[in-house]
Amino acid sequence: MTELGVNIVTKSDGNKQMKFTANRWARFLTIASEVDEEAMELNRKTREVCYRHRIGDGFFVSVTDGFSCIGIRKYFMPYGLERPTKAGISLNLDEWRDMILITIAAIAQIFPTLACAQACYEAPSHQTDAGKVACCSCNPFKFANNWS
């Protein structure tokens, strides 16, 4: 059985895609408005923008000055330093606006199970410190071979 999820593909390069598992999608939805605010600020250029938030399994969403895009990318951790990989996508500001205004609602309508998916940290197993530490989605660098 494959894990429930959805692939998002960039308009600029059909070969670039990002798979959102139910957990990653749920976590992404909780920060989408924050990311949108940072994207708008990136466009306005009235303050420095340096935003990065973990969405599980080593994936982060980032918005940073100097790049006119929103990055959704997997990281690895060689020598204790987080580094981005090629796995993921960068959405330009127009693609991001479409994601906020169209794609999220379309996914909720087409995949209602994703619309009500819960993030792993909402599970009963995360109510204890041991459960939080044991979660490989929340602590991917602890459990994964980081050289791949």
Protein backbone atom coordinates (compact mmCIF):
# COMPACT_ATOMS: atom_id res chain seq x y z
CA MET A 1 0.00 0.00 0.00
CA THR A 2 1.37 3.41 -0.92
CA GLU A 3 1.21 6.28 1.50
CA LEU A 4 -1.53 8.82 0.86
CA GLY A 5 -0.16 12.02 -0.59
CA VAL A 6 -0.10 14.43 -3.49
CA ASN A 7 2.64 15.57 -5.87
CA ILE A 8 3.02 19.26 -6.65
CA VAL A 9 4.79 20.06 -9.93
CA THR A 10 6.25 23.43 -10.89
CA LYS A 11 5.00 25.15 -14.04
CA SER A 12 8.51 26.20 -14.99
CA ASP A 13 9.94 22.66 -14.95
CA GLY A 14 7.58 19.70 -15.18
CA ASN A 15 10.38 17.39 -14.00
CA LYS A 16 10.58 19.13 -10.63
CA GLN A 17 8.03 17.89 -8.13
CA MET A 18 7.43 17.61 -4.42
CA LYS A 19 5.55 14.74 -2.81
CA PHE A 20 3.48 15.83 0.14
CA THR A 21 2.60 12.89 2.36
CA ALA A 22 -0.49 13.34 4.54
CA ASN A 23 1.76 14.31 7.47
CA ARG A 24 3.79 16.82 5.43
CA TRP A 25 0.60 18.27 3.90
CA ALA A 26 -1.01 18.72 7.33
CA ARG A 27 2.13 20.42 8.65
CA PHE A 28 2.38 22.56 5.53
CA LEU A 29 -1.21 23.76 5.90
CA THR A 30 -0.53 24.94 9.46
CA ILE A 31 2.20 27.30 8.22
CA ALA A 32 0.86 28.28 4.77
CA SER A 33 -0.41 31.67 5.98
CA GLU A 34 2.97 32.46 7.62
CA VAL A 35 4.77 31.49 4.42
CA ASP A 36 2.37 33.64 2.41
CA GLU A 37 3.07 36.65 4.64
CA GLU A 38 6.81 36.15 4.15
CA ALA A 39 6.31 35.79 0.38
CA MET A 40 4.38 39.06 0.30
CA GLU A 41 7.14 40.71 2.32
CA LEU A 42 9.73 39.32 -0.09
CA ASN A 43 7.82 41.04 -2.89
CA ARG A 44 7.42 44.34 -0.96
CA LYS A 45 11.09 44.42 0.12
CA THR A 46 10.40 46.53 3.23
CA ARG A 47 12.28 44.26 5.65
CA GLU A 48 14.69 41.34 5.64
CA VAL A 49 13.12 37.96 4.97
CA CYS A 50 14.69 34.83 6.39
CA TYR A 51 12.03 32.20 7.10
CA ARG A 52 12.42 28.43 7.36
CA HIS A 53 10.06 25.92 8.91
CA ARG A 54 10.23 22.13 9.14
CA ILE A 55 7.33 20.15 7.66
CA GLY A 56 8.61 16.68 8.55
CA ASP A 57 10.86 13.97 7.18
CA GLY A 58 13.76 16.39 6.68
CA PHE A 59 11.71 18.75 4.47
CA PHE A 60 11.62 22.50 5.06
CA VAL A 61 9.72 25.42 3.57
CA SER A 62 11.88 28.50 3.19
CA VAL A 63 11.57 32.08 2.03
CA THR A 64 14.79 34.07 1.90
CA ASP A 65 15.99 37.42 0.59
CA GLY A 66 17.94 37.10 -2.64
CA PHE A 67 15.67 34.37 -4.02
CA SER A 68 12.30 35.32 -5.51
CA CYS A 69 10.80 31.96 -4.69
CA ILE A 70 9.47 29.71 -1.98
CA GLY A 71 11.64 26.63 -1.50
CA ILE A 72 10.16 23.33 -0.36
CA ARG A 73 13.14 21.06 -0.10
CA LYS A 74 14.61 18.06 1.68
CA TYR A 75 17.73 18.62 3.74
CA PHE A 76 20.45 16.27 4.94
CA MET A 77 22.90 16.73 7.77
CA PRO A 78 26.56 16.00 7.02
CA TYR A 79 28.87 16.78 9.92
CA GLY A 80 25.97 18.18 11.94
CA LEU A 81 25.15 20.97 9.46
CA GLU A 82 21.80 21.02 7.61
CA ARG A 83 22.26 21.26 3.84
CA PRO A 84 19.61 21.36 1.08
CA THR A 85 19.33 18.53 -1.45
CA LYS A 86 17.96 18.55 -4.98
CA ALA A 87 14.80 16.78 -3.73
CA GLY A 88 12.04 19.35 -3.70
CA ILE A 89 10.80 22.37 -5.60
CA SER A 90 11.12 26.12 -5.79
CA LEU A 91 7.93 28.01 -6.56
CA ASN A 92 8.26 31.49 -8.02
CA LEU A 93 5.96 34.10 -6.50
CA ASP A 94 3.26 33.60 -9.17
CA GLU A 95 3.31 29.83 -8.64
CA TRP A 96 3.13 30.39 -4.88
CA ARG A 97 0.09 32.68 -5.30
CA ASP A 98 -1.60 29.94 -7.37
CA MET A 99 -0.75 27.43 -4.64
CA ILE A 100 -2.44 29.60 -2.01
CA LEU A 101 -5.47 30.65 -4.06
CA ILE A 102 -6.18 27.57 -6.18
CA THR A 103 -4.13 24.45 -5.44
CA ILE A 104 -4.81 24.09 -1.71
CA ALA A 105 -8.59 24.35 -2.22
CA ALA A 106 -8.49 21.97 -5.20
CA ILE A 107 -6.56 19.37 -3.22
CA ALA A 108 -9.04 19.65 -0.35
CA GLN A 109 -11.91 19.06 -2.77
CA ILE A 110 -10.29 16.21 -4.72
CA PHE A 111 -8.63 14.52 -1.74
CA PRO A 112 -10.85 15.08 1.33
CA THR A 113 -8.70 12.71 3.39
CA LEU A 114 -5.75 15.06 2.90
CA ALA A 115 -7.89 18.05 3.86
CA CYS A 116 -8.48 16.51 7.28
CA ALA A 117 -5.09 14.84 7.68
CA GLN A 118 -3.35 15.36 11.00
CA ALA A 119 0.30 16.07 11.57
CA CYS A 120 2.29 13.41 13.41
CA TYR A 121 2.76 15.70 16.41
CA GLU A 122 -1.02 15.57 16.99
CA ALA A 123 -0.87 11.78 17.51
CA PRO A 124 -1.16 10.29 21.01
CA SER A 125 2.39 8.95 20.67
CA HIS A 126 3.73 12.53 20.77
CA GLN A 127 2.25 13.21 24.20
CA THR A 128 5.38 11.82 25.85
CA ASP A 129 8.98 12.91 25.45
CA ALA A 130 9.93 9.38 24.42
CA GLY A 131 7.24 9.41 21.73
CA LYS A 132 8.44 12.74 20.34
CA VAL A 133 12.05 11.54 20.21
CA ALA A 134 11.05 8.23 18.56
CA CYS A 135 9.20 9.93 15.69
CA CYS A 136 11.30 9.54 12.54
CA SER A 137 9.31 12.29 10.80
CA CYS A 138 10.15 14.83 13.50
CA ASN A 139 13.73 13.57 13.92
CA PRO A 140 14.77 12.34 10.47
CA PHE A 141 18.46 13.05 10.94
CA LYS A 142 18.58 10.78 13.98
CA PHE A 143 17.27 7.75 12.06
CA ALA A 144 18.39 8.22 8.45
CA ASN A 145 21.56 7.63 6.54
CA ASN A 146 22.32 11.27 5.82
CA TRP A 147 24.76 10.62 3.00
CA SER A 148 22.10 9.66 0.45
